[in-house]
Protein backbone atom coordinates (compact mmCIF):
# COMPACT_ATOMS: atom_id res chain seq x y z
CA UNK A 1 0.32 0.17 0.00
CA UNK A 2 3.11 2.94 1.19
CA UNK A 3 5.09 1.10 -2.35
CA UNK A 4 1.84 2.14 -4.32
CA UNK A 5 1.09 5.41 -2.02
CA UNK A 6 4.83 6.52 -3.37
CA UNK A 7 3.98 5.90 -6.68
CA UNK A 8 1.34 8.00 -7.23
CA UNK A 9 2.95 10.82 -5.61
CA UNK A 10 6.35 10.79 -7.66
CA UNK A 11 3.97 10.27 -10.69
CA UNK A 12 2.33 13.73 -9.05
CA UNK A 13 5.23 15.26 -8.88
CA UNK A 14 6.45 14.23 -12.89
CA UNK A 15 3.35 15.63 -14.13
CA UNK A 16 3.81 18.81 -12.41
CA UNK A 17 7.12 19.13 -13.21
CA UNK A 18 6.52 18.49 -16.88
CA UNK A 19 3.45 20.95 -17.21
CA UNK A 20 5.84 23.96 -15.69
CA UNK A 21 8.16 23.43 -18.48
CA UNK A 22 5.81 23.67 -21.01
CA UNK A 23 4.46 26.52 -19.83
CA UNK A 24 7.20 28.95 -18.65
CA UNK A 25 8.59 31.79 -20.97
CA UNK A 26 11.45 32.57 -20.10
CA UNK A 27 13.20 35.74 -19.27
CA UNK A 28 14.20 36.76 -22.53
CA UNK A 29 11.48 35.85 -24.64
CA UNK A 30 9.37 38.05 -26.22
CA UNK A 31 5.64 38.68 -25.46
CA UNK A 32 3.36 37.05 -27.88
CA UNK A 33 1.72 40.33 -28.37
CA UNK A 34 4.21 43.51 -27.57
CA UNK A 35 1.52 46.28 -28.43
CA UNK A 36 -0.43 44.94 -25.77
CA UNK A 37 1.31 46.58 -21.75
CA UNK A 38 0.95 44.45 -19.10
CA UNK A 39 -1.19 45.06 -15.77
CA UNK A 40 1.91 46.88 -14.14
CA UNK A 41 2.78 48.92 -16.77
CA UNK A 42 1.69 52.11 -17.76
CA UNK A 43 -1.77 51.14 -16.57
CA UNK A 44 -3.36 54.60 -16.82
CA UNK A 45 -2.58 54.85 -20.69
CA UNK A 46 -3.94 51.44 -21.26
CA UNK A 47 -6.92 51.47 -24.62
CA UNK A 48 -9.32 48.90 -24.54
CA UNK A 49 -9.67 47.32 -28.23
CA UNK A 50 -13.20 48.16 -30.16
CA UNK A 51 -14.53 44.45 -29.29
CA UNK A 52 -13.67 45.25 -25.72
CA UNK A 53 -15.60 49.07 -25.42
CA UNK A 54 -18.69 47.13 -26.90
CA UNK A 55 -18.66 44.82 -24.17
CA UNK A 56 -18.18 47.21 -21.69
CA UNK A 57 -20.82 49.46 -23.39
CA UNK A 58 -23.45 45.89 -23.01
CA UNK A 59 -22.62 45.19 -19.47
CA UNK A 60 -23.37 48.92 -18.63
CA UNK A 61 -26.75 48.01 -19.74
CA UNK A 62 -27.31 44.98 -17.93
CA UNK A 63 -27.91 44.46 -14.66
CA UNK A 64 -27.91 41.58 -12.38
CA UNK A 65 -31.57 40.63 -11.73
CA UNK A 66 -31.19 37.35 -9.39
CA UNK A 67 -28.91 35.07 -8.00
CA UNK A 68 -28.80 31.46 -7.92
CA UNK A 69 -27.46 29.35 -5.23
CA UNK A 70 -26.67 25.50 -7.00
CA UNK A 71 -24.89 23.00 -5.06
CA UNK A 72 -22.54 21.48 -6.81
CA UNK A 73 -20.67 18.07 -6.15
CA UNK A 74 -17.23 17.75 -7.06
CA UNK A 75 -15.98 14.13 -7.22
CA UNK A 76 -12.46 13.22 -5.73
CA UNK A 77 -9.95 10.12 -4.44
CA UNK A 78 -11.24 10.53 -1.22
CA UNK A 79 -15.28 11.08 -1.77
CA UNK A 80 -17.47 13.72 -3.11
CA UNK A 81 -17.09 17.46 -1.70
CA UNK A 82 -20.25 19.52 -1.10
CA UNK A 83 -19.74 22.97 -2.92
CA UNK A 84 -22.17 25.39 -3.40
CA UNK A 85 -22.34 28.19 -6.47
CA UNK A 86 -23.63 31.06 -6.77
CA UNK A 87 -24.72 31.96 -9.86
CA UNK A 88 -25.81 35.25 -11.21
CA UNK A 89 -28.42 35.77 -13.80
CA UNK A 90 -28.17 38.91 -15.98
CA UNK A 91 -31.12 40.81 -18.06
CA UNK A 92 -30.57 43.11 -20.78
CA UNK A 93 -32.45 46.10 -21.13
CA UNK A 94 -34.30 45.65 -24.99
CA UNK A 95 -34.78 49.18 -26.85
CA UNK A 96 -37.69 49.28 -29.40
CA UNK A 97 -37.24 53.12 -30.44
CA UNK A 98 -34.94 54.12 -33.22
CA UNK A 99 -32.09 56.72 -32.41
CA UNK A 100 -32.62 58.05 -35.72
CA UNK A 101 -35.10 59.91 -38.60
CA UNK A 102 -35.31 58.46 -41.87
CA UNK A 103 -37.41 61.66 -42.22
CA UNK A 104 -36.96 65.03 -41.75
CA UNK A 105 -37.25 66.49 -37.97
CA UNK A 106 -37.61 69.76 -38.87
CA UNK A 107 -40.76 69.57 -41.13
CA UNK A 108 -43.36 71.80 -39.51
CA UNK A 109 -40.68 74.08 -37.81
CA UNK A 110 -41.90 78.06 -37.68
CA UNK A 111 -38.12 79.71 -38.44
CA UNK A 112 -39.18 83.64 -38.53
CA UNK A 113 -37.53 85.02 -35.45
CA UNK A 114 -34.75 82.51 -35.75
CA UNK A 115 -31.40 83.38 -36.09
CA UNK A 116 -30.37 81.44 -39.39
CA UNK A 117 -26.63 80.40 -38.25
CA UNK A 118 -27.63 79.29 -34.96
CA UNK A 119 -30.47 76.61 -36.48
CA UNK A 120 -28.29 75.46 -39.46
CA UNK A 121 -25.28 74.97 -36.83
CA UNK A 122 -28.44 73.06 -34.86
CA UNK A 123 -29.39 70.72 -37.34
CA UNK A 124 -25.81 69.99 -38.81
CA UNK A 125 -25.18 69.19 -35.49
CA UNK A 126 -28.30 66.28 -34.57
CA UNK A 127 -27.94 64.63 -38.51
CA UNK A 128 -29.56 62.14 -38.78
CA UNK A 129 -30.12 61.02 -34.44
CA UNK A 130 -33.81 61.26 -33.60
CA UNK A 131 -33.91 64.63 -31.31
CA UNK A 132 -34.41 68.24 -30.79
CA UNK A 133 -31.95 70.92 -29.98
CA UNK A 134 -32.63 74.54 -28.31
CA UNK A 135 -30.77 77.41 -28.12
CA UNK A 136 -31.29 80.55 -26.19
CA UNK A 137 -29.94 83.38 -25.35
CA UNK A 138 -29.70 84.11 -21.67
CA UNK A 139 -29.51 87.80 -21.32
CA UNK A 140 -33.20 87.65 -22.92
CA UNK A 141 -34.95 84.44 -22.67
CA UNK A 142 -35.61 84.78 -26.72
CA UNK A 143 -34.93 81.04 -28.23
CA UNK A 144 -32.43 81.46 -31.29
CA UNK A 145 -32.90 78.24 -32.68
CA UNK A 146 -35.57 75.22 -32.10
CA UNK A 147 -35.11 72.36 -34.06
CA UNK A 148 -37.65 69.79 -34.54
CA UNK A 149 -40.45 71.85 -32.50
CA UNK A 150 -43.10 68.99 -31.93
CA UNK A 151 -40.46 66.96 -29.90
CA UNK A 152 -39.10 70.21 -27.78
CA UNK A 153 -42.45 71.63 -27.26
CA UNK A 154 -43.62 68.10 -26.33
CA UNK A 155 -44.81 66.76 -21.86
CA UNK A 156 -41.27 65.86 -21.98
CA UNK A 157 -39.66 63.12 -20.60
CA UNK A 158 -37.49 62.01 -17.56
CA UNK A 159 -34.68 64.89 -16.37
CA UNK A 160 -32.53 61.31 -15.64
CA UNK A 161 -29.45 63.26 -14.12
CA UNK A 162 -30.17 66.53 -15.27
CA UNK A 163 -32.61 67.04 -12.24
CA UNK A 164 -29.33 66.91 -10.10
CA UNK A 165 -28.44 71.13 -10.99
CA UNK A 166 -31.87 71.76 -9.21
CA UNK A 167 -30.70 69.41 -6.33
CA UNK A 168 -27.39 70.80 -6.33
CA UNK A 169 -28.93 74.49 -5.88
CA UNK A 170 -31.28 73.65 -3.48
CA UNK A 171 -29.12 71.65 -1.07
CA UNK A 172 -26.38 74.56 -0.98
CA UNK A 173 -29.05 76.94 -0.11
CA UNK A 174 -30.25 75.23 2.71
CA UNK A 175 -26.92 75.10 3.75
CA UNK A 176 -26.44 70.85 3.99
CA UNK A 177 -23.18 71.27 1.65
CA UNK A 178 -20.65 73.35 0.18
CA UNK A 179 -18.90 72.79 -3.18
CA UNK A 180 -16.27 70.79 -1.23
CA UNK A 181 -18.44 69.48 2.00
CA UNK A 182 -17.38 65.30 1.73
CA UNK A 183 -20.57 63.71 2.00
CA UNK A 184 -20.21 60.42 3.52
CA UNK A 185 -21.66 57.24 0.72
CA UNK A 186 -20.94 54.30 3.26
CA UNK A 187 -17.66 52.93 4.26
CA UNK A 188 -14.83 54.99 4.03
CA UNK A 189 -15.99 56.37 1.11
CA UNK A 190 -17.22 60.19 0.54
CA UNK A 191 -18.11 62.59 -2.53
CA UNK A 192 -17.74 66.08 -2.87
CA UNK A 193 -20.13 68.39 -5.01
CA UNK A 194 -18.09 69.00 -7.48
CA UNK A 195 -16.95 65.60 -8.58
CA UNK A 196 -20.40 64.49 -8.23
CA UNK A 197 -21.68 66.67 -10.66
CA UNK A 198 -18.86 66.01 -12.98
CA UNK A 199 -19.36 62.42 -12.73
CA UNK A 200 -23.20 62.35 -11.80
CA UNK A 201 -22.96 60.26 -8.64
CA UNK A 202 -26.65 58.64 -7.66
CA UNK A 203 -25.35 57.70 -4.42
CA UNK A 204 -24.17 61.41 -3.57
CA UNK A 205 -27.82 63.17 -4.91
CA UNK A 206 -30.06 60.00 -3.33
CA UNK A 207 -28.76 61.16 -0.33
CA UNK A 208 -28.99 64.92 -0.93
CA UNK A 209 -32.82 64.58 -1.46
CA UNK A 210 -33.17 62.16 1.88
CA UNK A 211 -31.63 65.07 3.65
CA UNK A 212 -33.88 67.98 2.09
CA UNK A 213 -36.68 65.88 2.48
CA UNK A 214 -39.38 65.51 -0.35
CA UNK A 215 -41.43 69.18 0.63
CA UNK A 216 -38.22 71.29 0.17
CA UNK A 217 -36.92 69.46 -2.84
CA UNK A 218 -40.24 69.96 -4.52
CA UNK A 219 -40.50 73.87 -3.29
CA UNK A 220 -37.28 74.84 -5.24
CA UNK A 221 -37.21 72.18 -8.20
CA UNK A 222 -40.89 74.81 -8.76
CA UNK A 223 -39.29 77.93 -7.86
CA UNK A 224 -36.56 76.91 -10.76
CA UNK A 225 -39.48 76.33 -12.98
CA UNK A 226 -40.07 72.89 -12.81
CA UNK A 227 -44.13 71.95 -12.98
CA UNK A 228 -45.25 75.16 -14.93
CA UNK A 229 -45.01 76.28 -18.52
CA UNK A 230 -41.24 77.92 -19.44
CA UNK A 231 -42.21 79.84 -22.42
CA UNK A 232 -44.64 83.35 -22.84
CA UNK A 233 -47.22 82.68 -25.22
CA UNK A 234 -45.29 79.48 -27.30
CA UNK A 235 -48.24 77.93 -29.74
CA UNK A 236 -48.28 74.33 -28.89
CA UNK A 237 -46.14 74.43 -25.31
CA UNK A 238 -46.89 71.97 -23.51
CA UNK A 239 -46.61 71.26 -19.50
CA UNK A 240 -44.23 68.62 -17.88
CA UNK A 241 -44.77 67.10 -14.38
CA UNK A 242 -43.74 67.45 -11.13
CA UNK A 243 -45.71 65.59 -8.79
CA UNK A 244 -47.72 66.41 -5.79
CA UNK A 245 -46.73 63.34 -3.69
CA UNK A 246 -43.62 61.22 -2.86
CA UNK A 247 -42.20 58.32 -5.27
CA UNK A 248 -43.11 55.43 -3.08
CA UNK A 249 -40.21 53.95 -0.88
CA UNK A 250 -40.95 50.69 -2.29
CA UNK A 251 -39.80 52.44 -6.00
CA UNK A 252 -36.83 54.60 -4.39
CA UNK A 253 -38.65 57.49 -2.72
CA UNK A 254 -37.48 60.74 -2.88
CA UNK A 255 -33.69 59.33 -3.34
CA UNK A 256 -34.62 58.18 -7.26
CA UNK A 257 -36.05 61.62 -7.73
CA UNK A 258 -33.27 63.45 -6.91
CA UNK A 259 -30.72 61.30 -8.81
CA UNK A 260 -32.32 61.18 -11.84
CA UNK A 261 -35.79 62.31 -11.73
CA UNK A 262 -37.45 58.91 -11.79
CA UNK A 263 -41.47 60.14 -11.87
CA UNK A 264 -40.63 63.30 -12.79
CA UNK A 265 -41.37 64.94 -16.36
CA UNK A 266 -39.42 67.68 -17.81
CA UNK A 267 -39.49 69.53 -20.79
CA UNK A 268 -36.13 70.86 -22.91
CA UNK A 269 -37.35 74.48 -22.46
CA UNK A 270 -38.00 74.14 -19.06
CA UNK A 271 -34.56 73.19 -18.34
CA UNK A 272 -33.19 75.49 -21.01
CA UNK A 273 -34.97 78.50 -18.59
CA UNK A 274 -32.87 77.06 -15.65
CA UNK A 275 -29.69 76.39 -17.19
CA UNK A 276 -30.02 80.27 -19.10
CA UNK A 277 -30.83 81.63 -15.05
CA UNK A 278 -27.66 79.60 -13.80
CA UNK A 279 -25.82 81.62 -16.69
CA UNK A 280 -26.88 85.42 -16.71
CA UNK A 281 -26.56 84.87 -12.69
CA UNK A 282 -30.13 84.14 -11.26
CA UNK A 283 -32.60 85.70 -13.59
CA UNK A 284 -35.24 83.03 -14.57
CA UNK A 285 -36.49 84.87 -18.07
CA UNK A 286 -40.04 83.67 -20.02
CA UNK A 287 -38.93 81.96 -22.83
CA UNK A 288 -40.06 83.62 -25.73
CA UNK A 289 -40.37 82.84 -29.21
CA UNK A 290 -41.07 85.40 -32.17
CA UNK A 291 -42.61 84.27 -35.45
CA UNK A 292 -43.97 86.88 -36.85
CA UNK A 293 -42.34 90.47 -38.20
CA UNK A 294 -44.12 92.37 -35.88
CA UNK A 295 -43.57 90.11 -32.75
CA UNK A 296 -39.55 90.51 -34.27
CA UNK A 297 -40.05 94.29 -33.88
CA UNK A 298 -41.73 94.54 -30.78
CA UNK A 299 -39.42 91.98 -28.57
CA UNK A 300 -39.04 92.80 -24.65
CA UNK A 301 -37.54 90.18 -22.28
CA UNK A 302 -40.34 89.22 -19.63
CA UNK A 303 -38.55 88.49 -16.54
CA UNK A 304 -40.75 85.52 -14.25
CA UNK A 305 -38.71 85.69 -11.63
CA UNK A 306 -35.70 86.62 -10.18
CA UNK A 307 -33.84 83.42 -8.21
CA UNK A 308 -31.56 84.78 -5.16
CA UNK A 309 -28.41 81.92 -6.96
CA UNK A 310 -26.05 84.46 -7.09
CA UNK A 311 -24.10 83.19 -4.33
CA UNK A 312 -24.64 79.28 -4.69
CA UNK A 313 -23.39 79.92 -8.90
CA UNK A 314 -19.78 79.47 -8.11
CA UNK A 315 -20.56 76.84 -6.30
CA UNK A 316 -22.12 74.44 -8.78
CA UNK A 317 -20.08 75.84 -11.41
CA UNK A 318 -17.15 73.61 -11.02
CA UNK A 319 -18.78 70.22 -11.12
CA UNK A 320 -20.30 71.35 -14.48
CA UNK A 321 -17.25 72.63 -15.78
CA UNK A 322 -15.91 69.31 -14.48
CA UNK A 323 -18.21 67.48 -16.44
CA UNK A 324 -17.25 68.60 -19.56
CA UNK A 325 -13.44 68.23 -18.48
CA UNK A 326 -13.36 65.66 -17.49
CA UNK A 327 -16.30 64.15 -16.82
CA UNK A 328 -19.85 62.52 -18.00
CA UNK A 329 -19.81 65.74 -20.68
CA UNK A 330 -15.97 65.06 -22.09
CA UNK A 331 -17.22 63.52 -25.06
CA UNK A 332 -17.75 67.16 -25.78
CA UNK A 333 -14.01 68.10 -26.25
CA UNK A 334 -14.11 64.76 -29.28
CA UNK A 335 -15.18 67.85 -31.41
CA UNK A 336 -14.67 71.58 -29.89
CA UNK A 337 -11.96 72.74 -27.33
CA UNK A 338 -11.77 76.93 -28.01
CA UNK A 339 -14.31 77.75 -25.36
CA UNK A 340 -15.04 77.03 -21.57
CA UNK A 341 -18.54 74.89 -21.78
CA UNK A 342 -20.18 74.46 -18.39
CA UNK A 343 -23.70 71.71 -18.43
CA UNK A 344 -24.81 68.78 -17.09
CA UNK A 345 -25.85 65.28 -18.81
CA UNK A 346 -28.42 62.99 -17.99
CA UNK A 347 -29.39 59.12 -19.43
CA UNK A 348 -32.09 56.40 -18.59
CA UNK A 349 -34.85 55.08 -20.20
CA UNK A 350 -38.44 53.81 -19.70
CA UNK A 351 -40.50 51.46 -21.53
CA UNK A 352 -37.97 50.42 -24.62
CA UNK A 353 -37.35 54.41 -25.20
CA UNK A 354 -33.79 55.90 -23.72
CA UNK A 355 -33.02 59.38 -23.70
CA UNK A 356 -30.22 61.57 -24.01
CA UNK A 357 -29.96 65.16 -22.55
CA UNK A 358 -27.37 67.50 -22.29
CA UNK A 359 -27.47 70.98 -21.55
CA UNK A 360 -25.15 73.27 -21.23
CA UNK A 361 -23.97 77.25 -21.87
CA UNK A 362 -20.72 78.51 -23.13
CA UNK A 363 -18.75 80.95 -20.47
CA UNK A 364 -16.62 83.79 -22.54
CA UNK A 365 -16.51 87.10 -22.80
CA UNK A 366 -17.58 87.58 -26.06
CA UNK A 367 -21.54 86.25 -24.86
CA UNK A 368 -23.05 83.73 -23.62
CA UNK A 369 -25.91 81.26 -25.12
CA UNK A 370 -27.14 78.22 -23.67
CA UNK A 371 -28.23 74.80 -25.75
CA UNK A 372 -29.96 71.79 -24.65
CA UNK A 373 -29.50 69.00 -26.58
CA UNK A 374 -32.47 65.72 -26.13
CA UNK A 375 -32.08 62.83 -27.75
CA UNK A 376 -34.45 59.93 -27.78
CA UNK A 377 -34.25 56.55 -29.18
CA UNK A 378 -32.53 53.46 -27.90
CA UNK A 379 -29.12 51.91 -27.18
CA UNK A 380 -27.14 55.13 -29.01
CA UNK A 381 -28.39 57.09 -27.49
CA UNK A 382 -27.31 58.66 -24.24
CA UNK A 383 -25.69 62.21 -22.09
CA UNK A 384 -22.33 61.94 -23.29
CA UNK A 385 -23.91 61.43 -27.62
CA UNK A 386 -25.22 64.39 -26.66
CA UNK A 387 -22.95 66.27 -25.34
CA UNK A 388 -20.61 65.30 -28.67
CA UNK A 389 -23.31 66.54 -30.84
CA UNK A 390 -23.22 69.85 -28.78
CA UNK A 391 -19.34 69.87 -29.25
CA UNK A 392 -20.41 69.75 -33.04
CA UNK A 393 -22.87 72.20 -32.41
CA UNK A 394 -20.15 74.77 -30.68
CA UNK A 395 -17.51 74.17 -33.38
CA UNK A 396 -20.41 74.82 -35.84
CA UNK A 397 -20.85 78.75 -34.61
CA UNK A 398 -16.88 78.94 -33.93
CA UNK A 399 -16.37 78.29 -37.45
CA UNK A 400 -18.53 80.89 -38.88
CA UNK A 401 -17.14 83.31 -36.22
CA UNK A 402 -20.79 83.39 -33.84
CA UNK A 403 -18.93 84.89 -31.05
CA UNK A 404 -16.79 87.18 -32.69
CA UNK A 405 -19.69 88.78 -34.30
CA UNK A 406 -21.75 88.73 -31.38
CA UNK A 407 -19.26 90.70 -29.21
CA UNK A 408 -18.63 92.97 -31.93
CA UNK A 409 -22.68 93.32 -32.64
CA UNK A 410 -23.31 94.25 -28.57
CA UNK A 411 -24.11 97.58 -27.61
CA UNK A 412 -24.60 98.18 -23.94
CA UNK A 413 -28.62 98.58 -24.20
CA UNK A 414 -28.64 95.44 -25.46
CA UNK A 415 -28.86 94.00 -22.00
CA UNK A 416 -32.49 94.12 -20.07
CA UNK A 417 -32.16 96.13 -16.68
CA UNK A 418 -32.99 93.18 -15.23
CA UNK A 419 -29.53 91.60 -16.00
CA UNK A 420 -27.68 95.13 -13.84
CA UNK A 421 -25.94 93.97 -11.42
CA UNK A 422 -25.59 89.97 -11.54
CA UNK A 423 -22.73 87.77 -10.51
CA UNK A 424 -20.62 86.67 -13.22
CA UNK A 425 -19.90 83.07 -13.33
CA UNK A 426 -17.00 82.06 -12.46
CA UNK A 427 -14.75 79.51 -13.84
C-alpha cells in the first residue's frame, strides 16, 4: 500500500514538473503581443480594443436581477465534496425605439424669428439622430433656434441626471453642503459636490435628497420652473409634470427623484430656462419664440422671477465645468476645445425608449449661449452622445465666427435692466 502511494506521489510530481516547463516563458523571451502592455506597465494609458469597449457597453446596460445558489458535487479520490456556487443571471434592457430618423425632423418648424446661423449649426449637429436642439440667449430669454419643435414643445420626459442641478442648488441654499463638503456614501467612501456633478454620482444626490426631504426638494424645483410652462405664449408648448406626492419608498422614494428624476417629466424648454438663469446670474426669464415680423420688432424680455442663486453659482460651476473637462460630458471635447463650456448630462430609459440629455452654456467674454440637446431612441442614445453633438454645434458656431461677431455687434443697451448687477459665473 505504501509503495503504491509513493508511486502515485512521484507520478504527480513528475507530471506537475513537465507541465510547468511546458508553460514557462524564459525571461529573455518576447511577449506574444508586444503592443499590449502588461498590467503593471503604464496602466493609465491602456486603451481597450473596439471589441472590449462594445462588451463593456453591453455590461453597463445589463443588471443582475437574481442570484441562484446551486449545489455542485465534485468527485475526488477521497470522496465527494459539496460546494455551493452562486450564479448571477443578467437581464438586458431591450429598446424598441430607433435613435435615428429616416425623415426630416424639422418639417413643420416655424423659423421666422430664429437666428439662421444658430439654427443651421444645430441641424448639422443633430444629423440623422432623432432629437431636438434648443438654443437660448440667456440675457433675455429669446429662443435663437428650436429644431424639431414638435419634440421640443412636447410634454417632456424623465430628466434623468440633469435633475441633479436643481437638487444641488437646493442643498446649497439650505446650507446642507458646500461644493467641498465630503458626503459619506458608505464605509470610508465620500465625495464632494464638484466630483458628484462631474461624474453624475447617483448615491451622492440620493443622500442629499433624503436630507432635504420631499417638500423642500419640490419647493425648489417649482421655484426653478419645473412643473410650469417655461415659455411666454409659445403655441403648442406642453406642460411637464412635477408630482405633488413623493415617490413610494418601494420605488426609491425621494432619493430616486433626486438622482435621476424618477416620476418627473421635464421639457427641454424648462431645462433651458433654468440653465439660462445659472448662466446670467439668477434671472429666470419666460422663454420667447417670436414668429412674426411684428413680434420680432416688438420683442421685450419678460422676467418670470429673480432667483436668489447668485451666491450659489460659483458652487455649482466647478462641477458643471468638470463634467465637460473630465466627467460624463468629456465627449464634447472631441469636437470643440476653443471656449470653456459648463454643462450636465442625463441618461435614462422608460418602456423601451432611451433618453439622452445635455444642457450647457459657453462661458466667454464674447457672450453666452445656452443649449439643450435632448435625444430619444435606443441604445445609441445617451447623455454623452448629446454632449458630443453639442460639441459639434459649438464648433459650427466657432467656424462661422459667431461669438466674435456677437461681441462686435453688442451694444450697452442690448442687455435688459433686470440683469444689472448680476454676478458672473466664476471659472
